[in-house]
Each structure stands twice: as structure tokens, then as C-alpha cells.
Amino acid sequence: MSKLKSYEIDAVTDKVMELLKEEWSKKQPTFTKENKERLVLEAKIEKLDAELKELRDQAWKITEDVRKKYKDIYIYFDGKEYHSQDNNWQVQSQVRQEIILSQIKSDNLDEIISNLVKQFSK
């Protein structure tokens, strides 16, 4: 046998692989029943995914409605119930600034505290 050229080797390889695939396919099991069962399950999963998305959208709408209703309060859902969070982290810096400014006006700490509570409790 003479030495084969590269393209001839490729052609022979392709032919051998084609014949091997035919032989291998004869030995492969068929999954007809399993394929049908899997397709049924996949269809159910797809339907449930769509229902789940719809339910999540409804839940998100409820949260958005609650937040609109109480727009000045931070509202969040922890997986079991809604909670509101006061804005003390925002108010704290304002109170601090007011204390500093109030010291300029008065040295009476009780008076400063009383005025700040009145101002920020509104």
C-alpha cells in the first residue's frame, strides 16, 4: 500500500467513523418510553414555572402597592410578613447637626433635647 495523502486519510477516517456509528447505533438502547415520560414532566415543569412567575408577579405587585400606600416608610417582606423600618438612620444625622447648631443658641441641654424631640416627632 502506498503512502496516503492527508485528504485521503481524512476521507478514510470519515468512512470508518460513519460505519462505526452505524454499528454503535445498533447496540444503543432506545428510550421511547423514557423520552415520552420526560417530555410530559418537562411540559408540567414549564406550566408550573409560568404559574410560579405569575404568582411572584402578583406578590411583587402587593409589595409595590404597600410601598406606595406608605411612601414615607421603608417597607419590606421577610418571607413571612411585612415589616416597616423607621427612618432613624436618616434622622440621626439631622438630629446631630441640630444639636451642634442648638449649642450656639443655648447651653441648656434639656431645652435642646426637648426642642429636638418636638421638631423630629412631627
PDB file of N, CA and C in Angstrom:
ATOM      1  N   MET A   1       0.843  -1.175   0.000  1.00  0.00           N
ATOM      2  CA  MET A   1       0.000   0.000   0.000  1.00  0.00           C
ATOM      3  C   MET A   1       0.882   1.229   0.000  1.00  0.00           C
ATOM      4  N   SER A   2       0.568   2.160  -0.862  1.00  0.00           N
ATOM      5  CA  SER A   2       1.373   3.366  -0.942  1.00  0.00           C
ATOM      6  C   SER A   2       0.957   4.326   0.169  1.00  0.00           C
ATOM      7  N   LYS A   3       1.758   5.273   0.409  1.00  0.00           N
ATOM      8  CA  LYS A   3       1.503   6.269   1.448  1.00  0.00           C
ATOM      9  C   LYS A   3       0.318   7.141   1.050  1.00  0.00           C
ATOM     10  N   LEU A   4      -0.671   7.279   1.975  1.00  0.00           N
ATOM     11  CA  LEU A   4      -1.873   8.073   1.689  1.00  0.00           C
ATOM     12  C   LEU A   4      -1.593   9.546   1.938  1.00  0.00           C
ATOM     13  N   LYS A   5      -2.270  10.354   1.137  1.00  0.00           N
ATOM     14  CA  LYS A   5      -2.163  11.788   1.316  1.00  0.00           C
ATOM     15  C   LYS A   5      -3.110  12.204   2.454  1.00  0.00           C
ATOM     16  N   SER A   6      -2.928  13.372   2.962  1.00  0.00           N
ATOM     17  CA  SER A   6      -3.699  13.853   4.106  1.00  0.00           C
ATOM     18  C   SER A   6      -5.204  13.843   3.833  1.00  0.00           C
ATOM     19  N   TYR A   7      -5.607  14.343   2.656  1.00  0.00           N
ATOM     20  CA  TYR A   7      -7.041  14.377   2.351  1.00  0.00           C
ATOM     21  C   TYR A   7      -7.604  12.967   2.193  1.00  0.00           C
ATOM     22  N   GLU A   8      -6.766  12.010   1.752  1.00  0.00           N
ATOM     23  CA  GLU A   8      -7.210  10.621   1.640  1.00  0.00           C
ATOM     24  C   GLU A   8      -7.386   9.998   3.029  1.00  0.00           C
ATOM     25  N   ILE A   9      -6.497  10.329   3.925  1.00  0.00           N
ATOM     26  CA  ILE A   9      -6.606   9.850   5.305  1.00  0.00           C
ATOM     27  C   ILE A   9      -7.898  10.386   5.934  1.00  0.00           C
ATOM     28  N   ASP A  10      -8.178  11.667   5.675  1.00  0.00           N
ATOM     29  CA  ASP A  10      -9.421  12.274   6.194  1.00  0.00           C
ATOM     30  C   ASP A  10     -10.648  11.548   5.639  1.00  0.00           C
ATOM     31  N   ALA A  11     -10.636  11.239   4.357  1.00  0.00           N
ATOM     32  CA  ALA A  11     -11.773  10.571   3.718  1.00  0.00           C
ATOM     33  C   ALA A  11     -11.961   9.171   4.286  1.00  0.00           C
ATOM     34  N   VAL A  12     -10.866   8.441   4.450  1.00  0.00           N
ATOM     35  CA  VAL A  12     -10.945   7.088   5.008  1.00  0.00           C
ATOM     36  C   VAL A  12     -11.429   7.148   6.460  1.00  0.00           C
ATOM     37  N   THR A  13     -10.916   8.122   7.206  1.00  0.00           N
ATOM     38  CA  THR A  13     -11.341   8.292   8.596  1.00  0.00           C
ATOM     39  C   THR A  13     -12.836   8.557   8.668  1.00  0.00           C
ATOM     40  N   ASP A  14     -13.338   9.457   7.814  1.00  0.00           N
ATOM     41  CA  ASP A  14     -14.769   9.765   7.789  1.00  0.00           C
ATOM     42  C   ASP A  14     -15.586   8.507   7.485  1.00  0.00           C
ATOM     43  N   LYS A  15     -15.149   7.707   6.528  1.00  0.00           N
ATOM     44  CA  LYS A  15     -15.867   6.484   6.148  1.00  0.00           C
ATOM     45  C   LYS A  15     -15.877   5.490   7.312  1.00  0.00           C
ATOM     46  N   VAL A  16     -14.732   5.308   7.967  1.00  0.00           N
ATOM     47  CA  VAL A  16     -14.659   4.381   9.103  1.00  0.00           C
ATOM     48  C   VAL A  16     -15.572   4.858  10.226  1.00  0.00           C
ATOM     49  N   MET A  17     -15.557   6.150  10.502  1.00  0.00           N
ATOM     50  CA  MET A  17     -16.395   6.698  11.572  1.00  0.00           C
ATOM     51  C   MET A  17     -17.875   6.519  11.250  1.00  0.00           C
ATOM     52  N   GLU A  18     -18.241   6.699  10.002  1.00  0.00           N
ATOM     53  CA  GLU A  18     -19.632   6.504   9.573  1.00  0.00           C
ATOM     54  C   GLU A  18     -20.065   5.061   9.809  1.00  0.00           C
ATOM     55  N   LEU A  19     -19.213   4.113   9.436  1.00  0.00           N
ATOM     56  CA  LEU A  19     -19.518   2.692   9.643  1.00  0.00           C
ATOM     57  C   LEU A  19     -19.578   2.350  11.133  1.00  0.00           C
ATOM     58  N   LEU A  20     -18.679   2.940  11.915  1.00  0.00           N
ATOM     59  CA  LEU A  20     -18.683   2.704  13.361  1.00  0.00           C
ATOM     60  C   LEU A  20     -19.967   3.233  14.006  1.00  0.00           C
ATOM     61  N   LYS A  21     -20.392   4.405  13.581  1.00  0.00           N
ATOM     62  CA  LYS A  21     -21.630   4.983  14.124  1.00  0.00           C
ATOM     63  C   LYS A  21     -22.819   4.081  13.837  1.00  0.00           C
ATOM     64  N   GLU A  22     -22.856   3.505  12.631  1.00  0.00           N
ATOM     65  CA  GLU A  22     -23.937   2.581  12.295  1.00  0.00           C
ATOM     66  C   GLU A  22     -23.913   1.371  13.223  1.00  0.00           C
ATOM     67  N   GLU A  23     -22.738   0.827  13.452  1.00  0.00           N
ATOM     68  CA  GLU A  23     -22.599  -0.334  14.341  1.00  0.00           C
ATOM     69  C   GLU A  23     -22.975   0.033  15.775  1.00  0.00           C
ATOM     70  N   TRP A  24     -22.508   1.150  16.220  1.00  0.00           N
ATOM     71  CA  TRP A  24     -22.791   1.578  17.595  1.00  0.00           C
ATOM     72  C   TRP A  24     -24.285   1.832  17.780  1.00  0.00           C
ATOM     73  N   SER A  25     -24.921   2.402  16.753  1.00  0.00           N
ATOM     74  CA  SER A  25     -26.346   2.710  16.880  1.00  0.00           C
ATOM     75  C   SER A  25     -27.176   1.439  17.014  1.00  0.00           C
ATOM     76  N   LYS A  26     -26.712   0.321  16.442  1.00  0.00           N
ATOM     77  CA  LYS A  26     -27.413  -0.955  16.570  1.00  0.00           C
ATOM     78  C   LYS A  26     -27.389  -1.452  18.013  1.00  0.00           C
ATOM     79  N   LYS A  27     -26.349  -1.073  18.743  1.00  0.00           N
ATOM     80  CA  LYS A  27     -26.179  -1.541  20.121  1.00  0.00           C
ATOM     81  C   LYS A  27     -26.776  -0.578  21.153  1.00  0.00           C
ATOM     82  N   GLN A  28     -27.185   0.596  20.699  1.00  0.00           N
ATOM     83  CA  GLN A  28     -27.714   1.595  21.626  1.00  0.00           C
ATOM     84  C   GLN A  28     -29.132   1.252  22.048  1.00  0.00           C
ATOM     85  N   PRO A  29     -29.445   1.449  23.322  1.00  0.00           N
ATOM     86  CA  PRO A  29     -30.829   1.222  23.748  1.00  0.00           C
ATOM     87  C   PRO A  29     -31.718   2.351  23.238  1.00  0.00           C
ATOM     88  N   THR A  30     -32.984   2.064  23.108  1.00  0.00           N
ATOM     89  CA  THR A  30     -33.944   3.107  22.734  1.00  0.00           C
ATOM     90  C   THR A  30     -34.633   3.580  24.003  1.00  0.00           C
ATOM     91  N   PHE A  31     -34.953   4.828  24.019  1.00  0.00           N
ATOM     92  CA  PHE A  31     -35.534   5.429  25.213  1.00  0.00           C
ATOM     93  C   PHE A  31     -36.928   5.973  24.922  1.00  0.00           C
ATOM     94  N   THR A  32     -37.703   5.268  24.149  1.00  0.00           N
ATOM     95  CA  THR A  32     -39.013   5.755  23.729  1.00  0.00           C
ATOM     96  C   THR A  32     -39.902   6.065  24.928  1.00  0.00           C
ATOM     97  N   LYS A  33     -40.053   5.107  25.818  1.00  0.00           N
ATOM     98  CA  LYS A  33     -40.907   5.300  26.986  1.00  0.00           C
ATOM     99  C   LYS A  33     -40.368   6.422  27.861  1.00  0.00           C
ATOM    100  N   GLU A  34     -39.087   6.402  28.119  1.00  0.00           N
ATOM    101  CA  GLU A  34     -38.464   7.411  28.966  1.00  0.00           C
ATOM    102  C   GLU A  34     -38.560   8.805  28.360  1.00  0.00           C
ATOM    103  N   ASN A  35     -38.384   8.872  27.031  1.00  0.00           N
ATOM    104  CA  ASN A  35     -38.494  10.169  26.349  1.00  0.00           C
ATOM    105  C   ASN A  35     -39.889  10.748  26.504  1.00  0.00           C
ATOM    106  N   LYS A  36     -40.911   9.906  26.342  1.00  0.00           N
ATOM    107  CA  LYS A  36     -42.290  10.374  26.485  1.00  0.00           C
ATOM    108  C   LYS A  36     -42.541  10.852  27.914  1.00  0.00           C
ATOM    109  N   GLU A  37     -42.091  10.056  28.901  1.00  0.00           N
ATOM    110  CA  GLU A  37     -42.281  10.441  30.301  1.00  0.00           C
ATOM    111  C   GLU A  37     -41.578  11.760  30.602  1.00  0.00           C
ATOM    112  N   ARG A  38     -40.378  11.892  30.086  1.00  0.00           N
ATOM    113  CA  ARG A  38     -39.606  13.108  30.325  1.00  0.00           C
ATOM    114  C   ARG A  38     -40.284  14.317  29.687  1.00  0.00           C
ATOM    115  N   LEU A  39     -40.795  14.164  28.474  1.00  0.00           N
ATOM    116  CA  LEU A  39     -41.475  15.263  27.807  1.00  0.00           C
ATOM    117  C   LEU A  39     -42.716  15.695  28.580  1.00  0.00           C
ATOM    118  N   VAL A  40     -43.452  14.731  29.134  1.00  0.00           N
ATOM    119  CA  VAL A  40     -44.625  15.052  29.943  1.00  0.00           C
ATOM    120  C   VAL A  40     -44.192  15.853  31.170  1.00  0.00           C
ATOM    121  N   LEU A  41     -43.134  15.391  31.834  1.00  0.00           N
ATOM    122  CA  LEU A  41     -42.635  16.103  33.020  1.00  0.00           C
ATOM    123  C   LEU A  41     -42.129  17.498  32.664  1.00  0.00           C
ATOM    124  N   GLU A  42     -41.429  17.609  31.550  1.00  0.00           N
ATOM    125  CA  GLU A  42     -40.928  18.924  31.128  1.00  0.00           C
ATOM    126  C   GLU A  42     -42.083  19.881  30.847  1.00  0.00           C
ATOM    127  N   ALA A  43     -43.148  19.380  30.259  1.00  0.00           N
ATOM    128  CA  ALA A  43     -44.320  20.222  29.991  1.00  0.00           C
ATOM    129  C   ALA A  43     -44.947  20.682  31.310  1.00  0.00           C
ATOM    130  N   LYS A  44     -45.040  19.767  32.280  1.00  0.00           N
ATOM    131  CA  LYS A  44     -45.581  20.139  33.594  1.00  0.00           C
ATOM    132  C   LYS A  44     -44.698  21.176  34.273  1.00  0.00           C
ATOM    133  N   ILE A  45     -43.399  20.986  34.190  1.00  0.00           N
ATOM    134  CA  ILE A  45     -42.459  21.935  34.794  1.00  0.00           C
ATOM    135  C   ILE A  45     -42.613  23.310  34.161  1.00  0.00           C
ATOM    136  N   GLU A  46     -42.715  23.336  32.846  1.00  0.00           N
ATOM    137  CA  GLU A  46     -42.878  24.605  32.135  1.00  0.00           C
ATOM    138  C   GLU A  46     -44.163  25.319  32.570  1.00  0.00           C
ATOM    139  N   LYS A  47     -45.243  24.553  32.704  1.00  0.00           N
ATOM    140  CA  LYS A  47     -46.522  25.120  33.133  1.00  0.00           C
ATOM    141  C   LYS A  47     -46.403  25.660  34.567  1.00  0.00           C
ATOM    142  N   LEU A  48     -45.788  24.884  35.453  1.00  0.00           N
ATOM    143  CA  LEU A  48     -45.623  25.324  36.846  1.00  0.00           C
ATOM    144  C   LEU A  48     -44.701  26.537  36.948  1.00  0.00           C
ATOM    145  N   ASP A  49     -43.674  26.579  36.112  1.00  0.00           N
ATOM    146  CA  ASP A  49     -42.795  27.755  36.083  1.00  0.00           C
ATOM    147  C   ASP A  49     -43.579  29.005  35.701  1.00  0.00           C
ATOM    148  N   ALA A  50     -44.475  28.862  34.731  1.00  0.00           N
ATOM    149  CA  ALA A  50     -45.295  30.001  34.309  1.00  0.00           C
ATOM    150  C   ALA A  50     -46.227  30.432  35.442  1.00  0.00           C
ATOM    151  N   GLU A  51     -46.835  29.453  36.132  1.00  0.00           N
ATOM    152  CA  GLU A  51     -47.705  29.778  37.265  1.00  0.00           C
ATOM    153  C   GLU A  51     -46.920  30.446  38.391  1.00  0.00           C
ATOM    154  N   LEU A  52     -45.728  29.935  38.646  1.00  0.00           N
ATOM    155  CA  LEU A  52     -44.872  30.499  39.695  1.00  0.00           C
ATOM    156  C   LEU A  52     -44.488  31.936  39.366  1.00  0.00           C
ATOM    157  N   LYS A  53     -44.163  32.195  38.112  1.00  0.00           N
ATOM    158  CA  LYS A  53     -43.827  33.553  37.704  1.00  0.00           C
ATOM    159  C   LYS A  53     -45.013  34.481  37.907  1.00  0.00           C
ATOM    160  N   GLU A  54     -46.203  34.002  37.548  1.00  0.00           N
ATOM    161  CA  GLU A  54     -47.407  34.808  37.722  1.00  0.00           C
ATOM    162  C   GLU A  54     -47.651  35.112  39.203  1.00  0.00           C
ATOM    163  N   LEU A  55     -47.475  34.108  40.057  1.00  0.00           N
ATOM    164  CA  LEU A  55     -47.661  34.317  41.500  1.00  0.00           C
ATOM    165  C   LEU A  55     -46.626  35.291  42.062  1.00  0.00           C
ATOM    166  N   ARG A  56     -45.382  35.170  41.606  1.00  0.00           N
ATOM    167  CA  ARG A  56     -44.342  36.110  42.062  1.00  0.00           C
ATOM    168  C   ARG A  56     -44.662  37.533  41.623  1.00  0.00           C
ATOM    169  N   ASP A  57     -45.162  37.673  40.400  1.00  0.00           N
ATOM    170  CA  ASP A  57     -45.555  38.996  39.914  1.00  0.00           C
ATOM    171  C   ASP A  57     -46.679  39.582  40.767  1.00  0.00           C
ATOM    172  N   GLN A  58     -47.651  38.743  41.139  1.00  0.00           N
ATOM    173  CA  GLN A  58     -48.748  39.204  41.994  1.00  0.00           C
ATOM    174  C   GLN A  58     -48.227  39.622  43.371  1.00  0.00           C
ATOM    175  N   ALA A  59     -47.320  38.824  43.928  1.00  0.00           N
ATOM    176  CA  ALA A  59     -46.746  39.149  45.234  1.00  0.00           C
ATOM    177  C   ALA A  59     -45.959  40.457  45.162  1.00  0.00           C
ATOM    178  N   TRP A  60     -45.209  40.645  44.083  1.00  0.00           N
ATOM    179  CA  TRP A  60     -44.432  41.882  43.918  1.00  0.00           C
ATOM    180  C   TRP A  60     -45.363  43.087  43.803  1.00  0.00           C
ATOM    181  N   LYS A  61     -46.498  42.902  43.109  1.00  0.00           N
ATOM    182  CA  LYS A  61     -47.465  43.995  42.971  1.00  0.00           C
ATOM    183  C   LYS A  61     -48.021  44.379  44.340  1.00  0.00           C
ATOM    184  N   ILE A  62     -48.318  43.396  45.173  1.00  0.00           N
ATOM    185  CA  ILE A  62     -48.800  43.687  46.526  1.00  0.00           C
ATOM    186  C   ILE A  62     -47.767  44.509  47.286  1.00  0.00           C
ATOM    187  N   THR A  63     -46.510  44.108  47.194  1.00  0.00           N
ATOM    188  CA  THR A  63     -45.438  44.847  47.873  1.00  0.00           C
ATOM    189  C   THR A  63     -45.351  46.271  47.355  1.00  0.00           C
ATOM    190  N   GLU A  64     -45.431  46.442  46.053  1.00  0.00           N
ATOM    191  CA  GLU A  64     -45.369  47.780  45.478  1.00  0.00           C
ATOM    192  C   GLU A  64     -46.557  48.629  45.925  1.00  0.00           C
ATOM    193  N   ASP A  65     -47.747  48.016  45.992  1.00  0.00           N
ATOM    194  CA  ASP A  65     -48.935  48.747  46.457  1.00  0.00           C
ATOM    195  C   ASP A  65     -48.773  49.188  47.913  1.00  0.00           C
ATOM    196  N   VAL A  66     -48.227  48.306  48.743  1.00  0.00           N
ATOM    197  CA  VAL A  66     -47.995  48.648  50.155  1.00  0.00           C
ATOM    198  C   VAL A  66     -46.989  49.792  50.251  1.00  0.00           C
ATOM    199  N   ARG A  67     -45.933  49.717  49.458  1.00  0.00           N
ATOM    200  CA  ARG A  67     -44.916  50.779  49.499  1.00  0.00           C
ATOM    201  C   ARG A  67     -45.472  52.118  49.020  1.00  0.00           C
ATOM    202  N   LYS A  68     -46.361  52.083  48.024  1.00  0.00           N
ATOM    203  CA  LYS A  68     -46.982  53.329  47.551  1.00  0.00           C
ATOM    204  C   LYS A  68     -47.891  53.915  48.624  1.00  0.00           C
ATOM    205  N   LYS A  69     -48.606  53.032  49.314  1.00  0.00           N
ATOM    206  CA  LYS A  69     -49.532  53.473  50.354  1.00  0.00           C
ATOM    207  C   LYS A  69     -48.783  54.142  51.509  1.00  0.00           C
ATOM    208  N   TYR A  70     -47.633  53.585  51.862  1.00  0.00           N
ATOM    209  CA  TYR A  70     -46.828  54.122  52.959  1.00  0.00           C
ATOM    210  C   TYR A  70     -45.497  54.613  52.401  1.00  0.00           C
ATOM    211  N   LYS A  71     -45.569  55.591  51.527  1.00  0.00           N
ATOM    212  CA  LYS A  71     -44.381  56.006  50.766  1.00  0.00           C
ATOM    213  C   LYS A  71     -43.264  56.614  51.610  1.00  0.00           C
ATOM    214  N   ASP A  72     -43.577  57.106  52.807  1.00  0.00           N
ATOM    215  CA  ASP A  72     -42.546  57.715  53.645  1.00  0.00           C
ATOM    216  C   ASP A  72     -41.847  56.703  54.549  1.00  0.00           C
ATOM    217  N   ILE A  73     -42.309  55.458  54.530  1.00  0.00           N
ATOM    218  CA  ILE A  73     -41.752  54.426  55.399  1.00  0.00           C
ATOM    219  C   ILE A  73     -41.180  53.321  54.518  1.00  0.00           C
ATOM    220  N   TYR A  74     -40.010  52.819  54.900  1.00  0.00           N
ATOM    221  CA  TYR A  74     -39.419  51.707  54.158  1.00  0.00           C
ATOM    222  C   TYR A  74     -40.142  50.422  54.559  1.00  0.00           C
ATOM    223  N   ILE A  75     -40.737  49.744  53.580  1.00  0.00           N
ATOM    224  CA  ILE A  75     -41.488  48.508  53.808  1.00  0.00           C
ATOM    225  C   ILE A  75     -40.727  47.371  53.131  1.00  0.00           C
ATOM    226  N   TYR A  76     -40.611  46.233  53.842  1.00  0.00           N
ATOM    227  CA  TYR A  76     -40.001  45.059  53.224  1.00  0.00           C
ATOM    228  C   TYR A  76     -40.693  43.792  53.716  1.00  0.00           C
ATOM    229  N   PHE A  77     -40.597  42.746  52.928  1.00  0.00           N
ATOM    230  CA  PHE A  77     -41.207  41.452  53.236  1.00  0.00           C
ATOM    231  C   PHE A  77     -40.080  40.474  53.502  1.00  0.00           C
ATOM    232  N   ASP A  78     -40.117  39.797  54.650  1.00  0.00           N
ATOM    233  CA  ASP A  78     -39.019  38.902  55.027  1.00  0.00           C
ATOM    234  C   ASP A  78     -39.264  37.438  54.668  1.00  0.00           C
ATOM    235  N   GLY A  79     -40.297  37.189  53.886  1.00  0.00           N
ATOM    236  CA  GLY A  79     -40.613  35.816  53.526  1.00  0.00           C
ATOM    237  C   GLY A  79     -41.811  35.291  54.303  1.00  0.00           C
ATOM    238  N   LYS A  80     -42.130  35.966  55.419  1.00  0.00           N
ATOM    239  CA  LYS A  80     -43.273  35.561  56.235  1.00  0.00           C
ATOM    240  C   LYS A  80     -44.253  36.700  56.446  1.00  0.00           C
ATOM    241  N   GLU A  81     -43.734  37.918  56.610  1.00  0.00           N
ATOM    242  CA  GLU A  81     -44.601  39.056  56.872  1.00  0.00           C
ATOM    243  C   GLU A  81     -43.925  40.361  56.480  1.00  0.00           C
ATOM    244  N   TYR A  82     -44.761  41.391  56.344  1.00  0.00           N
ATOM    245  CA  TYR A  82     -44.254  42.714  56.015  1.00  0.00           C
ATOM    246  C   TYR A  82     -43.746  43.399  57.279  1.00  0.00           C
ATOM    247  N   HIS A  83     -42.711  44.204  57.105  1.00  0.00           N
ATOM    248  CA  HIS A  83     -42.144  44.991  58.194  1.00  0.00           C
ATOM    249  C   HIS A  83     -41.953  46.416  57.708  1.00  0.00           C
ATOM    250  N   SER A  84     -42.011  47.324  58.636  1.00  0.00           N
ATOM    251  CA  SER A  84     -41.690  48.709  58.293  1.00  0.00           C
ATOM    252  C   SER A  84     -40.454  49.092  59.078  1.00  0.00           C
ATOM    253  N   GLN A  85     -39.677  49.919  58.476  1.00  0.00           N
ATOM    254  CA  GLN A  85     -38.441  50.355  59.117  1.00  0.00           C
ATOM    255  C   GLN A  85     -38.492  51.872  59.197  1.00  0.00           C
ATOM    256  N   ASP A  86     -38.281  52.365  60.397  1.00  0.00           N
ATOM    257  CA  ASP A  86     -38.310  53.821  60.524  1.00  0.00           C
ATOM    258  C   ASP A  86     -37.078  54.423  59.867  1.00  0.00           C
ATOM    259  N   ASN A  87     -37.100  55.696  59.741  1.00  0.00           N
ATOM    260  CA  ASN A  87     -36.013  56.393  59.056  1.00  0.00           C
ATOM    261  C   ASN A  87     -34.987  56.943  60.037  1.00  0.00           C
ATOM    262  N   ASN A  88     -34.767  56.252  61.160  1.00  0.00           N
ATOM    263  CA  ASN A  88     -33.885  56.822  62.175  1.00  0.00           C
ATOM    264  C   ASN A  88     -32.459  57.019  61.686  1.00  0.00           C
ATOM    265  N   TRP A  89     -32.021  56.226  60.734  1.00  0.00           N
ATOM    266  CA  TRP A  89     -30.666  56.415  60.214  1.00  0.00           C
ATOM    267  C   TRP A  89     -30.554  57.733  59.460  1.00  0.00           C
ATOM    268  N   GLN A  90     -31.655  58.170  58.843  1.00  0.00           N
ATOM    269  CA  GLN A  90     -31.643  59.456  58.149  1.00  0.00           C
ATOM    270  C   GLN A  90     -31.799  60.598  59.150  1.00  0.00           C
ATOM    271  N   VAL A  91     -32.664  60.381  60.124  1.00  0.00           N
ATOM    272  CA  VAL A  91     -32.954  61.426  61.095  1.00  0.00           C
ATOM    273  C   VAL A  91     -31.767  61.647  62.033  1.00  0.00           C
ATOM    274  N   GLN A  92     -31.026  60.590  62.315  1.00  0.00           N
ATOM    275  CA  GLN A  92     -29.922  60.686  63.264  1.00  0.00           C
ATOM    276  C   GLN A  92     -28.908  61.757  62.873  1.00  0.00           C
ATOM    277  N   SER A  93     -28.538  61.808  61.612  1.00  0.00           N
ATOM    278  CA  SER A  93     -27.559  62.819  61.190  1.00  0.00           C
ATOM    279  C   SER A  93     -28.151  64.224  61.283  1.00  0.00           C
ATOM    280  N   GLN A  94     -29.459  64.336  60.977  1.00  0.00           N
ATOM    281  CA  GLN A  94     -30.103  65.648  61.102  1.00  0.00           C
ATOM    282  C   GLN A  94     -30.156  66.085  62.566  1.00  0.00           C
ATOM    283  N   VAL A  95     -30.469  65.143  63.461  1.00  0.00           N
ATOM    284  CA  VAL A  95     -30.508  65.457  64.900  1.00  0.00           C
ATOM    285  C   VAL A  95     -29.129  65.900  65.357  1.00  0.00           C
ATOM    286  N   ARG A  96     -28.126  65.199  64.931  1.00  0.00           N
ATOM    287  CA  ARG A  96     -26.747  65.538  65.310  1.00  0.00           C
ATOM    288  C   ARG A  96     -26.398  66.966  64.868  1.00  0.00           C
ATOM    289  N   GLN A  97     -26.755  67.294  63.643  1.00  0.00           N
ATOM    290  CA  GLN A  97     -26.485  68.646  63.145  1.00  0.00           C
ATOM    291  C   GLN A  97     -27.248  69.700  63.956  1.00  0.00           C
ATOM    292  N   GLU A  98     -28.500  69.380  64.278  1.00  0.00           N
ATOM    293  CA  GLU A  98     -29.308  70.322  65.057  1.00  0.00           C
ATOM    294  C   GLU A  98     -28.745  70.515  66.466  1.00  0.00           C
ATOM    295  N   ILE A  99     -28.205  69.446  67.047  1.00  0.00           N
ATOM    296  CA  ILE A  99     -27.582  69.579  68.376  1.00  0.00           C
ATOM    297  C   ILE A  99     -26.411  70.544  68.302  1.00  0.00           C
ATOM    298  N   ILE A 100     -25.601  70.373  67.284  1.00  0.00           N
ATOM    299  CA  ILE A 100     -24.432  71.253  67.115  1.00  0.00           C
ATOM    300  C   ILE A 100     -24.880  72.697  66.934  1.00  0.00           C
ATOM    301  N   LEU A 101     -25.894  72.910  66.087  1.00  0.00           N
ATOM    302  CA  LEU A 101     -26.389  74.270  65.858  1.00  0.00           C
ATOM    303  C   LEU A 101     -27.076  74.835  67.098  1.00  0.00           C
ATOM    304  N   SER A 102     -27.794  73.994  67.833  1.00  0.00           N
ATOM    305  CA  SER A 102     -28.523  74.455  69.022  1.00  0.00           C
ATOM    306  C   SER A 102     -27.582  74.888  70.131  1.00  0.00           C
ATOM    307  N   GLN A 103     -26.412  74.306  70.180  1.00  0.00           N
ATOM    308  CA  GLN A 103     -25.440  74.684  71.216  1.00  0.00           C
ATOM    309  C   GLN A 103     -25.024  76.138  71.063  1.00  0.00           C
ATOM    310  N   ILE A 104     -25.075  76.603  69.832  1.00  0.00           N
ATOM    311  CA  ILE A 104     -24.725  78.001  69.586  1.00  0.00           C
ATOM    312  C   ILE A 104     -25.780  78.908  70.206  1.00  0.00           C
ATOM    313  N   LYS A 105     -27.044  78.477  70.143  1.00  0.00           N
ATOM    314  CA  LYS A 105     -28.149  79.287  70.645  1.00  0.00           C
ATOM    315  C   LYS A 105     -28.318  79.179  72.159  1.00  0.00           C
ATOM    316  N   SER A 106     -28.040  77.980  72.700  1.00  0.00           N
ATOM    317  CA  SER A 106     -28.324  77.773  74.121  1.00  0.00           C
ATOM    318  C   SER A 106     -27.355  76.756  74.708  1.00  0.00           C
ATOM    319  N   ASP A 107     -27.060  76.902  75.998  1.00  0.00           N
ATOM    320  CA  ASP A 107     -26.218  75.935  76.697  1.00  0.00           C
ATOM    321  C   ASP A 107     -27.058  74.952  77.508  1.00  0.00           C
ATOM    322  N   ASN A 108     -28.379  75.159  77.515  1.00  0.00           N
ATOM    323  CA  ASN A 108     -29.271  74.314  78.291  1.00  0.00           C
ATOM    324  C   ASN A 108     -29.563  73.028  77.504  1.00  0.00           C
ATOM    325  N   LEU A 109     -28.918  71.925  77.896  1.00  0.00           N
ATOM    326  CA  LEU A 109     -29.041  70.659  77.177  1.00  0.00           C
ATOM    327  C   LEU A 109     -30.464  70.108  77.242  1.00  0.00           C
ATOM    328  N   ASP A 110     -31.139  70.252  78.365  1.00  0.00           N
ATOM    329  CA  ASP A 110     -32.519  69.771  78.495  1.00  0.00           C
ATOM    330  C   ASP A 110     -33.438  70.492  77.503  1.00  0.00           C
ATOM    331  N   GLU A 111     -33.225  71.779  77.353  1.00  0.00           N
ATOM    332  CA  GLU A 111     -34.024  72.571  76.425  1.00  0.00           C
ATOM    333  C   GLU A 111     -33.750  72.141  74.988  1.00  0.00           C
ATOM    334  N   ILE A 112     -32.497  71.907  74.662  1.00  0.00           N
ATOM    335  CA  ILE A 112     -32.109  71.464  73.311  1.00  0.00           C
ATOM    336  C   ILE A 112     -32.770  70.124  72.998  1.00  0.00           C
ATOM    337  N   ILE A 113     -32.707  69.194  73.954  1.00  0.00           N
ATOM    338  CA  ILE A 113     -33.292  67.862  73.754  1.00  0.00           C
ATOM    339  C   ILE A 113     -34.802  67.974  73.554  1.00  0.00           C
ATOM    340  N   SER A 114     -35.453  68.734  74.395  1.00  0.00           N
ATOM    341  CA  SER A 114     -36.903  68.900  74.295  1.00  0.00           C
ATOM    342  C   SER A 114     -37.294  69.479  72.944  1.00  0.00           C
ATOM    343  N   ASN A 115     -36.578  70.512  72.506  1.00  0.00           N
ATOM    344  CA  ASN A 115     -36.882  71.135  71.205  1.00  0.00           C
ATOM    345  C   ASN A 115     -36.670  70.170  70.043  1.00  0.00           C
ATOM    346  N   LEU A 116     -35.613  69.358  70.104  1.00  0.00           N
ATOM    347  CA  LEU A 116     -35.332  68.413  69.023  1.00  0.00           C
ATOM    348  C   LEU A 116     -36.399  67.321  68.953  1.00  0.00           C
ATOM    349  N   VAL A 117     -36.827  66.835  70.109  1.00  0.00           N
ATOM    350  CA  VAL A 117     -37.874  65.816  70.121  1.00  0.00           C
ATOM    351  C   VAL A 117     -39.145  66.368  69.508  1.00  0.00           C
ATOM    352  N   LYS A 118     -39.483  67.587  69.850  1.00  0.00           N
ATOM    353  CA  LYS A 118     -40.685  68.218  69.268  1.00  0.00           C
ATOM    354  C   LYS A 118     -40.525  68.362  67.750  1.00  0.00           C
ATOM    355  N   GLN A 119     -39.338  68.799  67.335  1.00  0.00           N
ATOM    356  CA  GLN A 119     -39.088  69.047  65.909  1.00  0.00           C
ATOM    357  C   GLN A 119     -39.155  67.774  65.077  1.00  0.00           C
ATOM    358  N   PHE A 120     -38.567  66.706  65.559  1.00  0.00           N
ATOM    359  CA  PHE A 120     -38.464  65.479  64.739  1.00  0.00           C
ATOM    360  C   PHE A 120     -39.581  64.472  64.977  1.00  0.00           C
ATOM    361  N   SER A 121     -40.458  64.742  65.916  1.00  0.00           N
ATOM    362  CA  SER A 121     -41.555  63.795  66.156  1.00  0.00           C
ATOM    363  C   SER A 121     -42.785  64.133  65.331  1.00  0.00           C
ATOM    364  N   LYS A 122     -42.724  65.200  64.586  1.00  0.00           N
ATOM    365  CA  LYS A 122     -43.863  65.613  63.762  1.00  0.00           C
ATOM    366  C   LYS A 122     -44.096  64.682  62.625  1.00  0.00           C
TER     367      LYS A 122
END
